[in-house]
N, C-alpha and C. Protein backbone atom coordinates (compact mmCIF):
# COMPACT_ATOMS: atom_id res chain seq x y z
N MET A 1 -16.90 2.91 -23.64
CA MET A 1 -16.76 3.20 -22.25
C MET A 1 -14.88 2.64 -21.75
N LYS A 2 -14.07 3.05 -21.90
CA LYS A 2 -13.01 3.29 -21.77
C LYS A 2 -12.49 3.25 -19.61
N LYS A 3 -12.01 2.28 -19.64
CA LYS A 3 -11.50 2.01 -17.90
C LYS A 3 -10.17 3.34 -18.00
N SER A 4 -9.35 3.51 -18.68
CA SER A 4 -8.60 5.22 -18.18
C SER A 4 -9.78 6.40 -18.14
N ASP A 5 -11.02 6.39 -18.70
CA ASP A 5 -12.01 7.62 -18.96
C ASP A 5 -12.57 7.65 -17.68
N VAL A 6 -13.03 6.25 -17.06
CA VAL A 6 -14.17 6.35 -15.76
C VAL A 6 -13.25 5.89 -15.12
N VAL A 7 -12.61 5.39 -14.79
CA VAL A 7 -11.44 5.54 -13.35
C VAL A 7 -11.41 6.63 -12.70
N PRO A 8 -10.79 7.81 -12.96
CA PRO A 8 -10.39 8.46 -13.00
C PRO A 8 -11.69 9.53 -12.24
N ALA A 9 -12.96 9.38 -13.04
CA ALA A 9 -13.89 10.12 -12.66
C ALA A 9 -14.23 9.25 -11.51
N LEU A 10 -14.17 7.88 -11.19
CA LEU A 10 -14.73 7.50 -10.29
C LEU A 10 -14.09 8.18 -8.98
N LEU A 11 -12.76 8.45 -9.12
CA LEU A 11 -12.20 8.62 -8.05
C LEU A 11 -11.98 10.04 -7.95
N ILE A 12 -12.20 10.52 -8.15
CA ILE A 12 -12.95 12.10 -8.01
C ILE A 12 -14.67 12.26 -7.58
N LEU A 13 -14.95 11.05 -7.60
CA LEU A 13 -16.53 11.52 -7.13
C LEU A 13 -16.13 10.50 -5.57
N ALA A 14 -15.56 9.51 -5.28
CA ALA A 14 -14.96 8.75 -4.37
C ALA A 14 -14.44 9.67 -3.49
N LEU A 15 -13.51 10.62 -3.98
CA LEU A 15 -12.51 11.63 -3.13
C LEU A 15 -13.78 12.83 -2.15
N SER A 16 -14.67 12.86 -3.33
CA SER A 16 -15.51 13.56 -2.99
C SER A 16 -16.48 13.39 -1.77
N ALA A 17 -16.94 12.15 -2.09
CA ALA A 17 -17.75 11.84 -0.93
C ALA A 17 -17.01 11.57 0.54
N ALA A 18 -16.11 11.42 0.28
CA ALA A 18 -14.91 11.45 1.26
C ALA A 18 -14.57 12.73 2.15
N ILE A 19 -14.98 13.94 1.28
CA ILE A 19 -14.64 14.90 1.94
C ILE A 19 -16.31 15.35 2.44
N ALA A 20 -16.91 14.88 2.11
CA ALA A 20 -17.73 15.27 2.46
C ALA A 20 -18.44 14.41 3.67
N PHE A 21 -18.43 13.24 3.92
CA PHE A 21 -18.72 12.29 4.90
C PHE A 21 -17.44 12.47 6.45
N ASP A 22 -16.13 13.08 5.69
CA ASP A 22 -15.10 13.60 7.12
C ASP A 22 -15.86 15.07 7.44
N THR A 23 -16.20 15.93 6.80
CA THR A 23 -16.22 17.78 7.50
C THR A 23 -18.30 17.70 7.67
N ARG A 24 -19.07 16.20 8.01
CA ARG A 24 -20.41 16.80 7.71
C ARG A 24 -20.60 16.98 9.29
N GLY A 25 -19.57 17.06 10.65
CA GLY A 25 -19.66 17.12 11.70
C GLY A 25 -19.89 18.80 11.66
N LEU A 26 -18.86 19.63 11.31
CA LEU A 26 -18.00 21.13 11.16
C LEU A 26 -19.14 21.86 10.64
N SER A 27 -19.39 23.23 11.18
CA SER A 27 -20.11 24.13 10.71
C SER A 27 -20.05 24.68 9.46
N PHE A 28 -20.94 24.83 8.66
CA PHE A 28 -21.12 25.74 7.27
C PHE A 28 -20.88 27.14 7.13
N TRP A 29 -21.31 27.89 8.17
CA TRP A 29 -21.65 29.07 8.45
C TRP A 29 -21.52 29.62 10.12
N ALA A 30 -20.24 30.20 10.53
CA ALA A 30 -20.09 30.48 11.78
C ALA A 30 -20.79 32.06 11.95
N ASP A 31 -21.65 32.96 12.46
CA ASP A 31 -21.87 33.74 13.01
C ASP A 31 -22.23 34.22 11.41
N THR A 32 -21.28 35.45 11.26
CA THR A 32 -21.14 36.52 9.87
C THR A 32 -19.72 35.69 8.72
N THR A 33 -19.51 34.64 9.22
CA THR A 33 -18.04 34.24 8.24
C THR A 33 -18.33 32.84 7.85
N PRO A 34 -17.62 32.32 6.79
CA PRO A 34 -17.94 31.31 6.75
C PRO A 34 -17.71 29.94 7.67
N GLY A 35 -17.95 28.87 8.21
CA GLY A 35 -17.27 28.45 8.91
C GLY A 35 -15.88 27.17 8.24
N PRO A 36 -15.74 26.03 9.45
CA PRO A 36 -14.62 25.18 8.93
C PRO A 36 -14.92 24.07 7.68
N ALA A 37 -16.24 24.32 7.51
CA ALA A 37 -17.02 23.06 6.60
C ALA A 37 -17.18 24.05 4.98
N PHE A 38 -17.11 25.15 5.03
CA PHE A 38 -17.33 26.02 4.02
C PHE A 38 -16.20 25.62 2.40
N MET A 39 -15.14 25.28 2.85
CA MET A 39 -14.19 25.00 1.39
C MET A 39 -14.85 23.59 1.10
N PRO A 40 -14.43 22.82 2.27
CA PRO A 40 -14.65 21.37 1.93
C PRO A 40 -16.04 20.67 1.15
N VAL A 41 -16.85 21.77 1.83
CA VAL A 41 -18.39 21.50 0.65
C VAL A 41 -18.33 22.12 -0.33
N TRP A 42 -17.77 23.21 -0.82
CA TRP A 42 -17.61 23.25 -2.46
C TRP A 42 -16.77 23.06 -3.15
N LEU A 43 -15.50 22.32 -2.54
CA LEU A 43 -14.92 21.53 -2.75
C LEU A 43 -15.45 20.07 -3.44
N ALA A 44 -16.63 19.35 -2.49
CA ALA A 44 -16.94 18.13 -2.92
C ALA A 44 -17.84 18.60 -3.76
N ILE A 45 -18.73 19.61 -3.42
CA ILE A 45 -19.55 20.04 -4.86
C ILE A 45 -18.93 19.83 -5.50
N ALA A 46 -18.18 20.65 -6.19
CA ALA A 46 -17.39 20.80 -7.29
C ALA A 46 -16.48 19.72 -8.01
N GLY A 47 -16.22 18.64 -7.45
CA GLY A 47 -15.26 17.36 -7.57
C GLY A 47 -16.55 16.06 -8.45
N VAL A 48 -18.29 16.94 -7.77
CA VAL A 48 -19.02 15.57 -8.08
C VAL A 48 -19.40 15.94 -9.25
N VAL A 49 -19.83 17.26 -9.45
CA VAL A 49 -19.77 17.94 -10.83
C VAL A 49 -18.55 17.94 -11.68
N LEU A 50 -17.57 17.24 -11.38
CA LEU A 50 -16.62 17.58 -12.73
C LEU A 50 -16.34 15.48 -12.85
N GLY A 51 -16.85 15.22 -11.63
CA GLY A 51 -16.39 13.90 -12.06
C GLY A 51 -17.41 13.00 -13.15
N VAL A 52 -18.85 13.73 -12.76
CA VAL A 52 -20.39 13.23 -13.51
C VAL A 52 -19.77 13.61 -15.01
N LEU A 53 -19.86 14.99 -14.81
CA LEU A 53 -19.20 15.60 -16.22
C LEU A 53 -18.53 14.67 -17.13
N ARG A 54 -17.34 14.43 -16.49
CA ARG A 54 -16.42 13.44 -17.11
C ARG A 54 -17.18 12.13 -17.72
N LEU A 55 -17.77 11.43 -16.32
CA LEU A 55 -18.35 10.09 -16.50
C LEU A 55 -19.39 10.22 -17.97
N LEU A 56 -19.81 11.18 -18.14
CA LEU A 56 -20.63 11.66 -19.34
C LEU A 56 -19.90 11.89 -20.69
N GLU A 57 -18.94 12.53 -20.99
CA GLU A 57 -17.77 12.62 -21.44
C GLU A 57 -17.42 11.16 -21.86
N ALA A 58 -16.95 10.02 -20.85
CA ALA A 58 -16.30 9.23 -21.15
C ALA A 58 -17.54 8.22 -21.85
N ARG A 59 -18.58 8.61 -21.88
CA ARG A 59 -19.39 8.03 -22.19
C ARG A 59 -20.05 7.67 -23.72
N ARG A 60 -20.13 8.81 -24.03
CA ARG A 60 -19.96 9.45 -25.56
C ARG A 60 -18.38 9.30 -26.16
N SER A 61 -17.26 8.84 -25.46
CA SER A 61 -16.39 9.04 -26.30
C SER A 61 -15.86 7.64 -26.79
N SER A 62 -15.22 7.41 -27.77
CA SER A 62 -14.63 6.18 -28.23
C SER A 62 -13.19 6.57 -28.98
N ALA A 63 -12.77 7.56 -28.56
CA ALA A 63 -11.41 7.69 -29.24
C ALA A 63 -9.98 7.15 -28.26
N PRO A 64 -9.34 6.49 -29.28
CA PRO A 64 -8.40 5.31 -28.27
C PRO A 64 -7.21 5.88 -27.63
N VAL A 65 -6.46 5.68 -26.82
CA VAL A 65 -5.44 6.30 -25.47
C VAL A 65 -4.78 6.44 -26.24
N GLU A 66 -3.92 7.56 -26.46
CA GLU A 66 -2.84 7.98 -26.79
C GLU A 66 -1.82 8.61 -25.87
N TRP A 67 -1.14 7.28 -25.48
CA TRP A 67 0.07 7.32 -24.76
C TRP A 67 1.00 8.61 -25.18
N PRO A 68 1.92 8.92 -23.98
CA PRO A 68 2.93 9.97 -24.50
C PRO A 68 3.80 9.05 -25.06
N ASP A 69 4.53 9.77 -25.98
CA ASP A 69 6.18 9.50 -26.45
C ASP A 69 7.25 9.78 -25.85
N ARG A 70 8.10 9.31 -26.30
CA ARG A 70 9.44 9.15 -25.58
C ARG A 70 9.86 10.81 -24.39
N ALA A 71 9.40 11.76 -25.59
CA ALA A 71 9.91 12.82 -25.31
C ALA A 71 9.40 13.47 -24.03
N ALA A 72 7.99 13.00 -24.08
CA ALA A 72 6.74 13.77 -23.31
C ALA A 72 7.06 12.82 -21.76
N LEU A 73 7.12 11.48 -21.87
CA LEU A 73 7.54 10.59 -20.63
C LEU A 73 9.05 11.31 -20.27
N LEU A 74 9.81 11.73 -20.82
CA LEU A 74 11.21 12.12 -20.33
C LEU A 74 10.74 13.37 -19.39
N ARG A 75 10.25 14.31 -20.30
CA ARG A 75 9.90 15.51 -19.51
C ARG A 75 8.94 15.40 -17.99
N VAL A 76 8.20 14.65 -18.12
CA VAL A 76 7.37 14.07 -16.82
C VAL A 76 8.56 13.47 -15.64
N ALA A 77 9.44 12.85 -16.09
CA ALA A 77 10.19 12.30 -15.33
C ALA A 77 11.32 13.27 -14.44
N LEU A 78 11.71 14.53 -15.60
CA LEU A 78 12.54 15.85 -15.25
C LEU A 78 11.99 16.30 -14.20
N VAL A 79 10.58 16.45 -14.67
CA VAL A 79 9.69 17.77 -13.60
C VAL A 79 9.36 16.66 -12.23
N LEU A 80 9.14 15.18 -12.15
CA LEU A 80 9.43 15.07 -10.88
C LEU A 80 9.96 15.04 -10.60
N GLY A 81 11.64 14.78 -10.87
CA GLY A 81 12.61 15.08 -10.36
C GLY A 81 12.96 16.19 -9.43
N GLY A 82 12.62 17.00 -10.34
CA GLY A 82 12.82 18.45 -10.22
C GLY A 82 11.64 18.94 -8.66
N LEU A 83 10.88 18.24 -8.46
CA LEU A 83 9.87 18.15 -7.76
C LEU A 83 10.16 17.78 -6.49
N VAL A 84 11.05 16.63 -5.99
CA VAL A 84 11.71 15.75 -5.21
C VAL A 84 12.64 16.58 -5.02
N ALA A 85 13.55 17.33 -5.92
CA ALA A 85 14.50 18.08 -5.27
C ALA A 85 14.23 19.14 -4.65
N VAL A 86 13.62 19.46 -4.66
CA VAL A 86 12.93 20.71 -3.96
C VAL A 86 12.59 21.04 -2.56
N PRO A 87 12.14 20.05 -1.73
CA PRO A 87 12.37 19.81 -0.56
C PRO A 87 13.97 18.82 -0.13
N VAL A 88 14.16 18.34 -0.89
CA VAL A 88 15.67 17.74 -0.44
C VAL A 88 16.64 18.51 -0.30
N LEU A 89 17.06 19.83 -1.31
CA LEU A 89 18.03 20.68 -1.18
C LEU A 89 17.26 21.91 -0.06
N SER A 90 16.06 22.16 -0.20
CA SER A 90 15.64 23.38 0.69
C SER A 90 16.16 23.72 2.21
N PRO A 91 16.68 22.28 2.60
CA PRO A 91 17.75 22.95 4.04
C PRO A 91 18.84 22.91 4.03
N LEU A 92 19.49 23.08 2.33
CA LEU A 92 20.61 23.15 2.57
C LEU A 92 20.94 24.93 2.14
N LEU A 93 20.22 24.74 0.19
CA LEU A 93 20.07 26.54 -0.14
C LEU A 93 19.00 27.32 0.53
N GLY A 94 17.59 26.82 1.22
CA GLY A 94 16.53 27.51 1.53
C GLY A 94 15.46 27.35 0.65
N LEU A 95 14.24 27.96 1.01
CA LEU A 95 13.52 27.36 -0.13
C LEU A 95 13.05 28.51 -0.91
N VAL A 96 13.17 29.37 -1.24
CA VAL A 96 13.27 30.38 -1.57
C VAL A 96 14.57 30.27 -3.42
N ALA A 97 15.65 30.12 -2.78
CA ALA A 97 16.73 29.29 -3.65
C ALA A 97 16.15 28.12 -4.56
N SER A 98 15.95 26.86 -3.18
CA SER A 98 15.55 26.02 -3.98
C SER A 98 13.87 26.17 -5.18
N LEU A 99 13.37 27.34 -4.53
CA LEU A 99 11.99 27.16 -5.82
C LEU A 99 12.37 27.89 -7.07
N ALA A 100 13.84 28.82 -6.87
CA ALA A 100 13.71 29.70 -7.79
C ALA A 100 15.14 28.62 -8.84
N LEU A 101 15.41 27.78 -8.49
CA LEU A 101 16.22 26.57 -8.91
C LEU A 101 15.38 25.67 -9.84
N PHE A 102 14.03 25.56 -9.29
CA PHE A 102 12.98 24.51 -9.94
C PHE A 102 12.24 24.98 -11.00
N VAL A 103 12.26 26.36 -10.94
CA VAL A 103 11.42 27.26 -11.86
C VAL A 103 12.16 27.51 -13.02
N GLY A 104 13.57 27.88 -12.53
CA GLY A 104 14.41 28.01 -13.72
C GLY A 104 14.67 26.86 -14.40
N PHE A 105 15.06 25.85 -13.97
CA PHE A 105 15.12 24.35 -14.35
C PHE A 105 14.11 24.14 -15.43
N LEU A 106 12.79 24.31 -14.34
CA LEU A 106 11.31 24.39 -15.70
C LEU A 106 11.15 24.65 -17.28
N LEU A 107 11.73 26.38 -16.54
CA LEU A 107 11.35 27.06 -18.00
C LEU A 107 12.40 26.41 -19.07
N LEU A 108 14.00 26.55 -18.41
CA LEU A 108 14.90 26.72 -19.17
C LEU A 108 14.97 25.67 -19.91
N ALA A 109 15.40 24.03 -19.05
CA ALA A 109 15.67 22.77 -19.50
C ALA A 109 15.07 21.96 -20.08
N VAL A 110 13.46 22.19 -19.12
CA VAL A 110 12.85 21.32 -19.90
C VAL A 110 11.86 21.52 -20.64
N LEU A 111 11.54 23.40 -20.73
CA LEU A 111 10.64 23.37 -21.86
C LEU A 111 11.16 24.76 -22.62
N ARG A 112 12.55 24.29 -22.27
CA ARG A 112 13.31 24.78 -23.40
C ARG A 112 12.61 26.67 -23.89
N GLN A 113 12.53 27.40 -22.72
CA GLN A 113 11.87 28.58 -22.55
C GLN A 113 13.21 29.75 -23.27
N ALA A 114 12.66 31.18 -23.76
CA ALA A 114 14.24 31.68 -24.37
C ALA A 114 14.31 32.32 -22.78
N LEU A 115 15.66 33.04 -22.71
CA LEU A 115 16.29 33.07 -21.69
C LEU A 115 15.49 34.15 -20.44
N TRP A 116 15.97 35.54 -21.30
CA TRP A 116 15.25 36.38 -20.35
C TRP A 116 13.83 36.52 -20.41
N PRO A 117 12.58 36.35 -21.02
CA PRO A 117 11.41 35.68 -20.33
C PRO A 117 11.33 34.85 -19.57
N SER A 118 12.48 33.82 -19.18
CA SER A 118 12.44 32.88 -18.11
C SER A 118 12.85 33.80 -16.89
N LEU A 119 14.05 34.27 -17.28
CA LEU A 119 14.35 34.81 -15.94
C LEU A 119 13.50 36.11 -15.12
N ALA A 120 12.67 36.63 -16.31
CA ALA A 120 11.49 37.58 -15.83
C ALA A 120 10.69 36.77 -14.83
N THR A 121 10.10 35.53 -15.40
CA THR A 121 8.94 34.90 -14.94
C THR A 121 9.73 34.44 -13.67
N LEU A 122 10.90 33.52 -13.54
CA LEU A 122 11.82 33.14 -12.22
C LEU A 122 11.63 34.40 -11.35
N ALA A 123 11.98 35.54 -11.29
CA ALA A 123 12.12 36.87 -10.38
C ALA A 123 10.38 37.41 -10.28
N ILE A 124 9.65 37.26 -11.00
CA ILE A 124 8.58 37.62 -10.49
C ILE A 124 7.96 36.06 -9.69
N THR A 125 7.88 35.05 -10.03
CA THR A 125 7.43 34.21 -9.38
C THR A 125 8.03 33.85 -7.79
N VAL A 126 9.48 34.17 -7.81
CA VAL A 126 10.09 33.77 -6.19
C VAL A 126 9.79 35.09 -5.65
N GLY A 127 9.35 36.41 -6.60
CA GLY A 127 9.17 37.66 -5.35
C GLY A 127 7.85 37.28 -5.34
N VAL A 128 7.08 37.09 -5.22
CA VAL A 128 5.58 36.58 -5.06
C VAL A 128 5.38 36.07 -3.74
N VAL A 129 6.21 35.18 -4.19
CA VAL A 129 6.03 33.73 -2.99
C VAL A 129 6.64 33.77 -1.82
N TYR A 130 8.30 35.11 -2.12
CA TYR A 130 8.01 35.92 -0.83
C TYR A 130 7.79 36.77 -0.23
N GLY A 131 6.91 37.33 -0.98
CA GLY A 131 6.23 38.77 -0.41
C GLY A 131 5.12 38.30 0.11
N ILE A 132 4.23 37.26 -0.37
CA ILE A 132 3.53 36.82 0.27
C ILE A 132 3.88 35.87 1.44
N PHE A 133 4.19 35.13 1.30
CA PHE A 133 4.72 34.06 2.74
C PHE A 133 5.10 35.08 3.68
N VAL A 134 6.49 35.41 3.54
CA VAL A 134 7.33 36.03 4.57
C VAL A 134 6.96 38.03 4.75
N GLY A 135 6.42 38.39 3.52
CA GLY A 135 6.58 39.55 3.91
C GLY A 135 4.74 39.74 4.56
N TRP A 136 4.11 39.26 3.83
CA TRP A 136 2.56 39.37 4.25
C TRP A 136 2.13 38.95 5.73
N LEU A 137 2.56 37.78 5.12
CA LEU A 137 1.90 36.57 6.18
C LEU A 137 2.66 36.62 7.13
N ASN A 138 4.15 36.44 7.08
CA ASN A 138 4.86 36.21 8.33
C ASN A 138 5.33 34.78 8.57
N VAL A 139 5.55 33.99 7.17
CA VAL A 139 5.52 32.85 7.58
C VAL A 139 7.20 32.42 7.80
N PRO A 140 7.89 32.06 8.29
CA PRO A 140 9.17 32.11 7.95
C PRO A 140 9.50 30.52 7.71
N LEU A 141 9.88 30.70 6.42
CA LEU A 141 10.53 29.86 5.43
C LEU A 141 11.40 29.23 5.75
N PRO A 142 12.14 27.72 5.40
CA PRO A 142 13.37 27.46 5.45
C PRO A 142 14.67 28.41 5.05
N LYS A 143 15.25 28.35 5.80
CA LYS A 143 16.69 29.14 5.27
C LYS A 143 17.75 28.25 5.46
N GLY A 144 18.40 28.63 4.22
CA GLY A 144 19.41 27.46 3.93
C GLY A 144 20.90 27.82 4.25
N MET A 145 22.19 27.89 4.35
CA MET A 145 23.46 28.06 4.32
C MET A 145 23.64 29.50 3.69
N LEU A 146 22.81 30.38 2.44
CA LEU A 146 22.75 31.30 2.25
C LEU A 146 21.91 32.39 2.96
N GLY A 147 21.13 31.45 3.82
CA GLY A 147 20.44 32.63 4.70
C GLY A 147 19.04 33.36 4.41
N ILE A 148 19.12 32.85 3.22
CA ILE A 148 17.52 33.50 2.54
C ILE A 148 16.69 32.56 2.22
């Protein structure tokens, strides 16, 4: 068993135990609807199952660790930079425009996908986010100088 296989599994198990411990006083079911502990309990159960499966897989595995090459590390850094840029740009451009720039950056610059499918994906993603949060749930998203 390698440390790189065991440590994430133990972290998942510890997080699942913390979720179960923190929500132990909440009700699982309230009258005819799920209570406040419903989702955390299922999340903890799923975490325990996945953590145990990962430990079992790590026990059987003897493959060496494959570290990413320079190009993969660059892609990770670009994605991280884009994730940092979204909340930084949101007050200036608005959340919808920042999200559009992030998705476009990921598809066109990081993943180097074709232009038209990327633009279609961008439009659908931004449209779904806007439709759900603004149109359906009436959540006021941050608006920037553009008023979007």
